[in-house]
């Protein structure tokens, strides 16, 4: 289970694009929304820009059960979406989805690749590792949510592809894509021979054709 994060928020009365712009520009606040579950209505919130930026510096924040505090209440949620400014990358809006301990959630968690330098296909075979995925969508109960999924590359041989079905998952965790059938068993990473550039080929050919010292005299 990931570390605990607390998000302090204030209920936002003014809504709309104009109000959101004023929040960001004049008050240093970020508009957000908390939604989910049929028994509770969505709540418009505002967050302190500096606090949310600090939280987002931690990779674990993106795949943790968060405690959202507002109006003397506490609700459990996950960060479902972030809208950022297309040029500056500033956070423009945050979406939080309520979670219940007995209801499964869909969350994207990062993949951590370990032992890449010691990988058999790299160290012994001279290959190179190529990543096709950096994270994966999983299904689990909130209490089983992992901070990340580890991919150990130590025994991966040359010309090998690691697929979703090859990942070692924590107890209670399923991969969302695999629930749709075997044809969704996508590649995660691979180890292949490094490609030789055309320039290297030409240099090698030139060296082979060049006469050895003393020849042709």
Protein backbone atom coordinates (compact mmCIF):
# COMPACT_ATOMS: atom_id res chain seq x y z
CA UNK A 1 0.00 0.00 0.00
CA UNK A 2 1.24 3.44 -0.88
CA UNK A 3 2.11 6.19 1.57
CA UNK A 4 -0.74 8.29 2.94
CA UNK A 5 -1.36 11.69 1.36
CA UNK A 6 -3.71 14.38 2.66
CA UNK A 7 -5.20 16.94 0.26
CA UNK A 8 -6.55 20.03 2.01
CA UNK A 9 -9.38 21.64 0.05
CA UNK A 10 -12.07 24.29 0.31
CA UNK A 11 -15.56 24.04 -1.18
CA UNK A 12 -15.74 26.25 -4.26
CA UNK A 13 -18.93 28.28 -4.60
CA UNK A 14 -18.14 30.16 -7.83
CA UNK A 15 -17.92 27.88 -10.85
CA UNK A 16 -17.32 28.29 -14.55
CA UNK A 17 -14.30 29.17 -16.67
CA UNK A 18 -14.18 32.79 -15.53
CA UNK A 19 -14.24 31.83 -11.86
CA UNK A 20 -11.54 29.19 -12.42
CA UNK A 21 -9.28 31.73 -14.11
CA UNK A 22 -9.71 34.15 -11.20
CA UNK A 23 -8.84 31.40 -8.72
CA UNK A 24 -5.62 30.57 -10.50
CA UNK A 25 -4.57 34.12 -11.31
CA UNK A 26 -5.57 36.10 -8.21
CA UNK A 27 -5.72 33.61 -5.36
CA UNK A 28 -3.09 30.99 -6.22
CA UNK A 29 -5.72 28.25 -6.08
CA UNK A 30 -6.43 25.31 -8.38
CA UNK A 31 -10.02 24.32 -9.18
CA UNK A 32 -10.85 20.65 -8.60
CA UNK A 33 -13.80 18.30 -8.37
CA UNK A 34 -14.53 15.30 -6.16
CA UNK A 35 -17.04 12.86 -7.65
CA UNK A 36 -18.11 9.23 -7.64
CA UNK A 37 -20.68 6.97 -5.88
CA UNK A 38 -24.40 7.35 -6.49
CA UNK A 39 -25.15 8.34 -2.90
CA UNK A 40 -23.00 11.48 -2.96
CA UNK A 41 -23.08 14.49 -5.23
CA UNK A 42 -19.97 15.89 -6.91
CA UNK A 43 -18.27 18.62 -4.90
CA UNK A 44 -16.45 21.55 -6.50
CA UNK A 45 -13.24 22.27 -4.59
CA UNK A 46 -10.22 24.54 -4.69
CA UNK A 47 -6.67 23.53 -3.71
CA UNK A 48 -3.62 25.59 -2.86
CA UNK A 49 -1.39 25.64 -5.92
CA UNK A 50 1.87 25.29 -3.95
CA UNK A 51 0.54 22.34 -1.92
CA UNK A 52 -0.69 20.36 -4.92
CA UNK A 53 2.56 21.01 -6.80
CA UNK A 54 4.56 19.62 -3.87
CA UNK A 55 2.35 16.52 -3.70
CA UNK A 56 2.70 15.92 -7.44
CA UNK A 57 6.48 15.78 -7.08
CA UNK A 58 6.01 12.36 -5.48
CA UNK A 59 5.38 9.52 -7.92
CA UNK A 60 3.38 7.72 -5.21
CA UNK A 61 0.77 10.49 -5.17
CA UNK A 62 -0.55 9.36 -8.56
CA UNK A 63 -1.24 5.80 -7.36
CA UNK A 64 -2.28 6.29 -3.74
CA UNK A 65 -5.51 6.42 -1.82
CA UNK A 66 -5.73 10.09 -0.89
CA UNK A 67 -7.54 11.68 2.03
CA UNK A 68 -9.46 14.73 0.81
CA UNK A 69 -10.23 17.13 3.69
CA UNK A 70 -12.85 19.88 3.35
CA UNK A 71 -15.53 21.46 5.55
CA UNK A 72 -14.51 19.29 8.49
CA UNK A 73 -15.04 16.12 6.44
CA UNK A 74 -12.65 13.48 5.14
CA UNK A 75 -13.20 11.37 2.04
CA UNK A 76 -11.02 8.73 0.40
CA UNK A 77 -10.26 9.22 -3.27
CA UNK A 78 -7.74 8.69 -6.03
CA UNK A 79 -6.39 11.26 -8.45
CA UNK A 80 -8.27 10.42 -11.63
CA UNK A 81 -7.16 13.18 -13.99
CA UNK A 82 -5.08 16.35 -14.25
CA UNK A 83 -5.49 19.10 -16.79
CA UNK A 84 -2.29 21.05 -17.46
CA UNK A 85 -1.53 24.18 -19.44
CA UNK A 86 -0.38 23.01 -22.90
CA UNK A 87 2.65 25.32 -22.98
CA UNK A 88 3.68 25.92 -19.36
CA UNK A 89 2.63 22.59 -17.88
CA UNK A 90 0.93 24.31 -14.93
CA UNK A 91 -1.91 22.40 -13.27
CA UNK A 92 -5.23 23.88 -14.43
CA UNK A 93 -7.72 21.45 -12.87
CA UNK A 94 -7.72 18.22 -10.84
CA UNK A 95 -10.30 15.41 -10.78
CA UNK A 96 -10.60 13.15 -7.73
CA UNK A 97 -12.67 9.95 -7.72
CA UNK A 98 -14.19 8.71 -4.46
CA UNK A 99 -13.31 5.15 -3.48
CA UNK A 100 -14.91 2.59 -1.19
CA UNK A 101 -12.91 -0.11 0.57
CA UNK A 102 -15.22 -2.82 -0.80
CA UNK A 103 -15.36 -1.58 -4.39
CA UNK A 104 -12.67 -2.35 -6.96
CA UNK A 105 -10.97 0.59 -8.67
CA UNK A 106 -9.18 1.06 -11.99
CA UNK A 107 -5.85 2.85 -11.53
CA UNK A 108 -2.74 3.38 -13.62
CA UNK A 109 0.40 2.56 -11.67
CA UNK A 110 4.02 3.03 -12.81
CA UNK A 111 6.30 0.17 -13.83
CA UNK A 112 9.71 0.08 -12.15
CA UNK A 113 12.32 -1.74 -14.23
CA UNK A 114 15.17 -3.13 -12.13
CA UNK A 115 18.49 -4.89 -12.91
CA UNK A 116 18.61 -3.51 -16.44
CA UNK A 117 22.41 -3.17 -16.46
CA UNK A 118 22.79 -6.74 -15.19
CA UNK A 119 20.22 -8.13 -17.66
CA UNK A 120 21.57 -11.30 -19.32
CA UNK A 121 20.54 -10.13 -22.78
CA UNK A 122 22.37 -6.86 -22.27
CA UNK A 123 25.45 -7.94 -20.33
CA UNK A 124 26.12 -11.23 -22.13
CA UNK A 125 24.31 -10.73 -25.43
CA UNK A 126 25.13 -7.12 -26.12
CA UNK A 127 21.47 -6.24 -26.54
CA UNK A 128 19.52 -3.11 -25.71
CA UNK A 129 16.32 -2.76 -23.67
CA UNK A 130 13.34 -1.04 -25.23
CA UNK A 131 10.35 0.04 -23.12
CA UNK A 132 6.90 -0.15 -24.68
CA UNK A 133 5.09 0.81 -21.46
CA UNK A 134 5.87 3.07 -18.52
CA UNK A 135 2.73 2.32 -16.54
CA UNK A 136 -0.15 -0.14 -16.56
CA UNK A 137 -3.84 0.02 -15.68
CA UNK A 138 -4.77 -2.34 -12.86
CA UNK A 139 -7.95 -3.40 -11.06
CA UNK A 140 -7.92 -3.94 -7.30
CA UNK A 141 -9.56 -3.03 -4.02
CA UNK A 142 -8.26 0.22 -2.49
CA UNK A 143 -6.50 -1.70 0.27
CA UNK A 144 -4.51 -3.72 -2.28
CA UNK A 145 -3.36 -0.75 -4.36
CA UNK A 146 0.42 -0.98 -5.01
CA UNK A 147 2.58 2.11 -5.40
CA UNK A 148 4.22 0.51 -8.46
CA UNK A 149 4.78 -2.84 -10.16
CA UNK A 150 8.34 -4.10 -10.39
CA UNK A 151 9.73 -5.65 -13.57
CA UNK A 152 12.95 -7.60 -12.90
CA UNK A 153 15.11 -7.74 -16.03
CA UNK A 154 17.96 -9.83 -14.55
CA UNK A 155 17.18 -13.12 -16.37
CA UNK A 156 15.72 -11.71 -19.60
CA UNK A 157 17.66 -13.07 -22.56
CA UNK A 158 18.44 -11.52 -25.94
CA UNK A 159 15.55 -11.39 -28.43
CA UNK A 160 12.94 -11.69 -25.69
CA UNK A 161 9.72 -9.73 -25.28
CA UNK A 162 8.11 -9.28 -21.86
CA UNK A 163 4.31 -9.22 -22.10
CA UNK A 164 1.62 -8.21 -19.61
CA UNK A 165 1.09 -11.85 -18.64
CA UNK A 166 4.76 -12.06 -17.60
CA UNK A 167 4.39 -9.40 -14.89
CA UNK A 168 4.41 -10.55 -11.28
CA UNK A 169 1.44 -8.92 -9.61
CA UNK A 170 0.78 -8.35 -5.91
CA UNK A 171 -2.06 -10.29 -4.30
CA UNK A 172 -5.49 -9.01 -5.26
CA UNK A 173 -4.27 -7.11 -8.33
CA UNK A 174 -5.38 -7.75 -11.92
CA UNK A 175 -4.32 -6.09 -15.17
CA UNK A 176 -7.27 -4.36 -16.81
CA UNK A 177 -6.26 -5.11 -20.41
CA UNK A 178 -6.05 -8.87 -19.79
CA UNK A 179 -9.70 -8.97 -18.72
CA UNK A 180 -10.58 -8.46 -22.40
CA UNK A 181 -8.86 -11.61 -23.72
CA UNK A 182 -5.50 -13.02 -24.78
CA UNK A 183 -5.24 -10.69 -27.78
CA UNK A 184 -4.76 -7.83 -25.28
CA UNK A 185 -1.54 -9.35 -23.90
CA UNK A 186 0.53 -6.37 -25.00
CA UNK A 187 4.34 -6.05 -24.93
CA UNK A 188 5.82 -4.24 -21.93
CA UNK A 189 9.49 -4.22 -22.89
CA UNK A 190 11.97 -6.16 -25.01
CA UNK A 191 15.66 -6.98 -25.36
CA UNK A 192 16.98 -6.98 -28.92
CA UNK A 193 20.29 -6.73 -30.72
CA UNK A 194 21.40 -3.16 -31.13
CA UNK A 195 20.95 -1.89 -34.66
CA UNK A 196 24.09 -0.93 -36.52
CA UNK A 197 23.78 2.40 -38.32
CA UNK A 198 24.43 2.66 -42.04
CA UNK A 199 27.45 4.87 -41.28
CA UNK A 200 28.95 2.09 -39.16
CA UNK A 201 28.28 -0.40 -41.97
CA UNK A 202 30.09 1.84 -44.47
CA UNK A 203 33.06 2.30 -42.10
CA UNK A 204 33.28 -1.43 -41.58
CA UNK A 205 33.15 -2.11 -45.32
CA UNK A 206 35.82 0.49 -45.99
CA UNK A 207 38.11 -1.08 -43.39
CA UNK A 208 37.59 -4.51 -44.93
CA UNK A 209 38.42 -3.25 -48.43
CA UNK A 210 41.46 -1.20 -47.42
CA UNK A 211 44.75 -3.08 -48.15
CA UNK A 212 46.86 -4.07 -45.22
CA UNK A 213 50.11 -2.23 -44.66
CA UNK A 214 52.67 -3.38 -47.23
CA UNK A 215 50.08 -4.85 -49.61
CA UNK A 216 49.83 -3.60 -53.22
CA UNK A 217 53.34 -2.12 -53.22
